[in-house]
Amino acid sequence: MLHSEDFSKVNAYLGNISMNASMRDYGYDKNYSSLYPLVGRNYPDGSFSEIPYEKGFQLLYYIETLIGKDDMQKLLRLHINNHA
């Protein structure tokens, strides 16, 4: 383990605060606040933020809380092996 579980929880909390601030700035119902922002003809750098990363992390963490750490590791290994 790279960091302790407490460190990870604090980091997740701070990431959530930062994500919510970015979503408030973009607008909660706007494209750039989504997990998969569609840039279209807009300047791509304008869409870059931590929002998709934090939303993805929160989804994976939520799944881990439902199935447990060991089963999450198995699921991730299976996914990686199937898509390598």
Foldseek 3Di string as FASTA:
>chain_A
DPDDPVVVVVVLVVLVVQLVVVCVVQPVPDQLQDLDRDQPPHDVVVSDDCNNVSVVVVVLVVVCVVPHDVVSVVVVVVVVVVVD
